[in-house]
N, C-alpha and C. Protein backbone atom coordinates (compact mmCIF):
# COMPACT_ATOMS: atom_id res chain seq x y z
N UNK A 1 38.58 114.13 -184.45
CA UNK A 1 39.17 112.73 -183.96
C UNK A 1 40.60 112.95 -184.01
N UNK A 2 41.21 112.49 -182.92
CA UNK A 2 42.70 112.46 -182.79
C UNK A 2 43.28 111.17 -183.10
N UNK A 3 44.51 111.07 -183.43
CA UNK A 3 45.14 109.98 -183.74
C UNK A 3 46.30 109.74 -182.83
N UNK A 4 46.59 108.28 -182.55
CA UNK A 4 47.83 107.91 -181.68
C UNK A 4 48.12 106.54 -182.12
N UNK A 5 49.24 105.98 -181.58
CA UNK A 5 49.79 104.80 -182.01
C UNK A 5 50.01 104.03 -180.57
N UNK A 6 49.95 102.68 -180.68
CA UNK A 6 50.24 101.82 -179.61
C UNK A 6 51.70 101.50 -179.81
N UNK A 7 52.40 101.86 -178.78
CA UNK A 7 53.93 101.58 -178.93
C UNK A 7 54.24 100.26 -178.20
N UNK A 8 55.54 99.91 -178.28
CA UNK A 8 56.07 98.64 -177.71
C UNK A 8 55.58 98.70 -176.17
N UNK A 9 55.31 97.64 -175.57
CA UNK A 9 54.82 97.48 -174.29
C UNK A 9 53.28 98.09 -174.08
N UNK A 10 52.67 98.11 -175.17
CA UNK A 10 51.31 98.67 -175.14
C UNK A 10 51.05 100.01 -174.61
N UNK A 11 52.10 100.93 -174.77
CA UNK A 11 51.87 102.34 -174.30
C UNK A 11 51.18 103.03 -175.36
N UNK A 12 50.20 103.90 -174.93
CA UNK A 12 49.54 104.75 -175.77
C UNK A 12 49.78 106.30 -175.23
N UNK A 13 50.19 107.01 -176.31
CA UNK A 13 50.47 108.32 -175.97
C UNK A 13 49.04 109.32 -175.95
N UNK A 14 48.81 110.02 -175.03
CA UNK A 14 47.64 110.88 -175.03
C UNK A 14 47.90 112.02 -175.95
N UNK A 15 47.18 112.41 -177.09
CA UNK A 15 47.30 113.50 -177.67
C UNK A 15 47.34 114.75 -176.88
N UNK A 16 48.28 115.75 -177.21
CA UNK A 16 48.43 116.99 -176.60
C UNK A 16 47.24 117.80 -176.32
N UNK A 17 46.20 117.71 -177.27
CA UNK A 17 44.96 118.36 -177.14
C UNK A 17 44.09 117.86 -175.92
N UNK A 18 44.36 116.72 -175.53
CA UNK A 18 43.56 116.08 -174.39
C UNK A 18 44.29 116.06 -173.05
N UNK A 19 45.58 116.54 -173.01
CA UNK A 19 46.30 116.38 -171.78
C UNK A 19 45.87 117.50 -170.69
N UNK A 20 45.30 118.54 -171.11
CA UNK A 20 44.93 119.51 -169.97
C UNK A 20 44.07 118.96 -168.88
N UNK A 21 43.15 117.97 -169.27
CA UNK A 21 42.22 117.48 -168.30
C UNK A 21 42.77 116.26 -167.62
N UNK A 22 43.96 115.80 -167.91
CA UNK A 22 44.59 114.64 -167.27
C UNK A 22 45.84 115.10 -166.23
N UNK A 23 46.12 114.26 -165.28
CA UNK A 23 47.18 114.61 -164.50
C UNK A 23 47.86 113.26 -164.23
N UNK A 24 49.15 113.40 -163.93
CA UNK A 24 49.95 112.27 -163.60
C UNK A 24 49.46 111.60 -162.34
N UNK A 25 49.16 110.33 -162.38
CA UNK A 25 48.78 109.73 -161.20
C UNK A 25 47.13 109.47 -161.35
N UNK A 26 46.46 110.11 -162.23
CA UNK A 26 45.00 109.98 -162.39
C UNK A 26 44.65 108.38 -162.65
N UNK A 27 43.66 107.84 -162.05
CA UNK A 27 43.29 106.51 -162.30
C UNK A 27 42.07 106.52 -163.25
N UNK A 28 42.16 105.53 -164.13
CA UNK A 28 40.85 105.40 -165.08
C UNK A 28 40.53 104.01 -165.17
N UNK A 29 39.28 103.83 -165.41
CA UNK A 29 38.59 102.46 -165.88
C UNK A 29 38.82 102.54 -167.36
N UNK A 30 39.19 101.34 -167.99
CA UNK A 30 39.42 101.35 -169.29
C UNK A 30 38.58 100.17 -169.96
N UNK A 31 37.92 100.41 -170.99
CA UNK A 31 37.15 99.40 -171.72
C UNK A 31 37.18 99.67 -173.18
N UNK A 32 36.93 98.42 -173.90
CA UNK A 32 36.74 98.75 -175.41
C UNK A 32 35.38 98.31 -175.82
N UNK A 33 34.71 99.17 -176.53
CA UNK A 33 33.38 98.93 -176.79
C UNK A 33 33.25 97.77 -177.94
N UNK A 34 32.12 97.49 -178.23
CA UNK A 34 31.88 96.51 -179.39
C UNK A 34 32.30 96.94 -180.74
N UNK A 35 32.35 98.27 -180.92
CA UNK A 35 32.83 98.92 -182.20
C UNK A 35 34.30 99.26 -182.22
N UNK A 36 35.00 98.84 -181.04
CA UNK A 36 36.34 98.99 -180.91
C UNK A 36 36.93 100.24 -180.22
N UNK A 37 36.02 101.10 -179.85
CA UNK A 37 36.40 102.27 -179.24
C UNK A 37 37.05 102.03 -177.86
N UNK A 38 38.16 102.67 -177.46
CA UNK A 38 38.75 102.50 -176.21
C UNK A 38 38.26 103.70 -175.36
N UNK A 39 37.60 103.41 -174.22
CA UNK A 39 37.00 104.36 -173.31
C UNK A 39 37.91 104.45 -172.15
N UNK A 40 38.19 105.74 -171.73
CA UNK A 40 38.87 106.02 -170.49
C UNK A 40 38.01 106.78 -169.70
N UNK A 41 37.57 106.15 -168.45
CA UNK A 41 36.60 106.69 -167.58
C UNK A 41 37.32 107.16 -166.31
N UNK A 42 37.42 108.54 -165.93
CA UNK A 42 38.25 108.73 -164.71
C UNK A 42 37.49 108.18 -163.37
N UNK A 43 38.30 107.51 -162.70
CA UNK A 43 37.82 106.88 -161.53
C UNK A 43 37.28 107.92 -160.62
N UNK A 44 37.82 109.02 -160.45
CA UNK A 44 37.27 110.13 -159.65
C UNK A 44 35.87 110.55 -159.99
N UNK A 45 35.64 110.52 -161.35
CA UNK A 45 34.26 110.80 -161.85
C UNK A 45 33.28 109.62 -161.44
N UNK A 46 33.67 108.43 -161.40
CA UNK A 46 32.82 107.40 -161.10
C UNK A 46 32.47 107.51 -159.53
N UNK A 47 33.51 107.82 -158.77
CA UNK A 47 33.37 108.03 -157.31
C UNK A 47 32.35 109.11 -156.98
N UNK A 48 32.37 110.32 -157.77
CA UNK A 48 31.63 111.36 -157.63
C UNK A 48 30.04 110.93 -157.78
N UNK A 49 29.92 110.19 -158.81
CA UNK A 49 28.62 109.76 -159.20
C UNK A 49 27.97 108.80 -158.10
N UNK A 50 28.92 107.93 -157.75
CA UNK A 50 28.54 106.91 -156.53
C UNK A 50 28.20 107.74 -155.38
N UNK A 51 28.97 108.76 -155.02
CA UNK A 51 28.77 109.52 -153.74
C UNK A 51 27.35 110.43 -153.94
N UNK A 52 26.99 110.78 -155.07
CA UNK A 52 25.68 111.49 -155.12
C UNK A 52 24.60 110.64 -154.95
N UNK A 53 24.57 109.33 -155.27
CA UNK A 53 23.54 108.27 -155.07
C UNK A 53 23.70 107.56 -153.70
N UNK A 54 25.01 107.59 -153.13
CA UNK A 54 24.95 106.94 -151.73
C UNK A 54 23.93 107.38 -150.77
N UNK A 55 23.32 106.43 -150.19
CA UNK A 55 22.37 106.71 -149.12
C UNK A 55 21.02 107.15 -149.76
N UNK A 56 20.64 107.22 -151.01
CA UNK A 56 19.47 107.66 -151.43
C UNK A 56 18.34 106.64 -151.02
N UNK A 57 18.64 105.43 -150.68
CA UNK A 57 17.68 104.38 -150.31
C UNK A 57 17.58 104.45 -148.79
N UNK A 58 18.28 105.14 -147.95
CA UNK A 58 18.33 105.07 -146.71
C UNK A 58 17.05 105.57 -146.01
N UNK A 59 16.63 105.20 -144.81
CA UNK A 59 15.52 105.70 -144.06
C UNK A 59 14.37 105.65 -144.81
N UNK A 60 14.21 104.76 -145.78
CA UNK A 60 13.00 104.53 -146.51
C UNK A 60 12.12 103.59 -145.75
N UNK A 61 11.03 103.97 -145.31
CA UNK A 61 9.97 102.92 -144.52
C UNK A 61 9.46 101.89 -145.38
N UNK A 62 9.32 102.19 -146.70
CA UNK A 62 8.62 101.28 -147.51
C UNK A 62 9.55 100.26 -148.25
N UNK A 63 10.89 100.24 -147.88
CA UNK A 63 11.75 99.24 -148.39
C UNK A 63 12.60 98.86 -147.23
N UNK A 64 12.53 97.47 -146.99
CA UNK A 64 13.34 96.88 -145.72
C UNK A 64 14.71 97.24 -145.80
N UNK A 65 15.42 97.43 -144.77
CA UNK A 65 16.90 97.72 -144.73
C UNK A 65 17.67 96.48 -145.20
N UNK A 66 17.08 95.20 -145.08
CA UNK A 66 17.82 94.08 -145.63
C UNK A 66 17.26 93.89 -147.01
N UNK A 67 18.30 93.88 -147.94
CA UNK A 67 17.97 93.70 -149.32
C UNK A 67 17.36 92.46 -149.75
N UNK A 68 17.96 91.38 -148.94
CA UNK A 68 17.30 90.09 -149.34
C UNK A 68 15.99 89.91 -148.98
N UNK A 69 15.59 90.63 -147.88
CA UNK A 69 14.08 90.51 -147.48
C UNK A 69 13.27 91.25 -148.50
N UNK A 70 13.75 92.39 -148.98
CA UNK A 70 13.10 93.19 -150.09
C UNK A 70 12.82 92.33 -151.21
N UNK A 71 13.96 91.73 -151.78
CA UNK A 71 13.88 90.93 -153.00
C UNK A 71 12.86 89.80 -152.76
N UNK A 72 12.85 89.05 -151.58
CA UNK A 72 11.74 88.07 -151.35
C UNK A 72 10.36 88.82 -151.43
N UNK A 73 10.28 89.89 -150.87
CA UNK A 73 9.00 90.51 -150.96
C UNK A 73 8.43 90.80 -152.29
N UNK A 74 9.39 91.22 -153.16
CA UNK A 74 9.13 91.58 -154.54
C UNK A 74 8.62 90.21 -155.24
N UNK A 75 9.45 89.17 -155.03
CA UNK A 75 9.20 87.81 -155.62
C UNK A 75 7.81 87.25 -155.21
N UNK A 76 7.37 87.50 -154.09
CA UNK A 76 6.14 87.16 -153.57
C UNK A 76 4.88 88.01 -154.08
N UNK A 77 5.22 89.12 -154.55
CA UNK A 77 4.27 89.93 -155.20
C UNK A 77 3.60 90.78 -154.12
């Protein structure tokens, strides 16, 4: 585990050991878990995951293209 400090203006310095995988201008989603962990999730990785699943429900004949219609079917059993 690495240690860093929150500086004035809420700046956090990324420890040198982690910098190889980061580039100036990278965007991250940031969240704090219930246990207080700060998570930085690269936006490009989120985009890659979403791209992998994009369209996976396309062209399925058993699921209506209109999601509202599909939900209504599920509710009716």
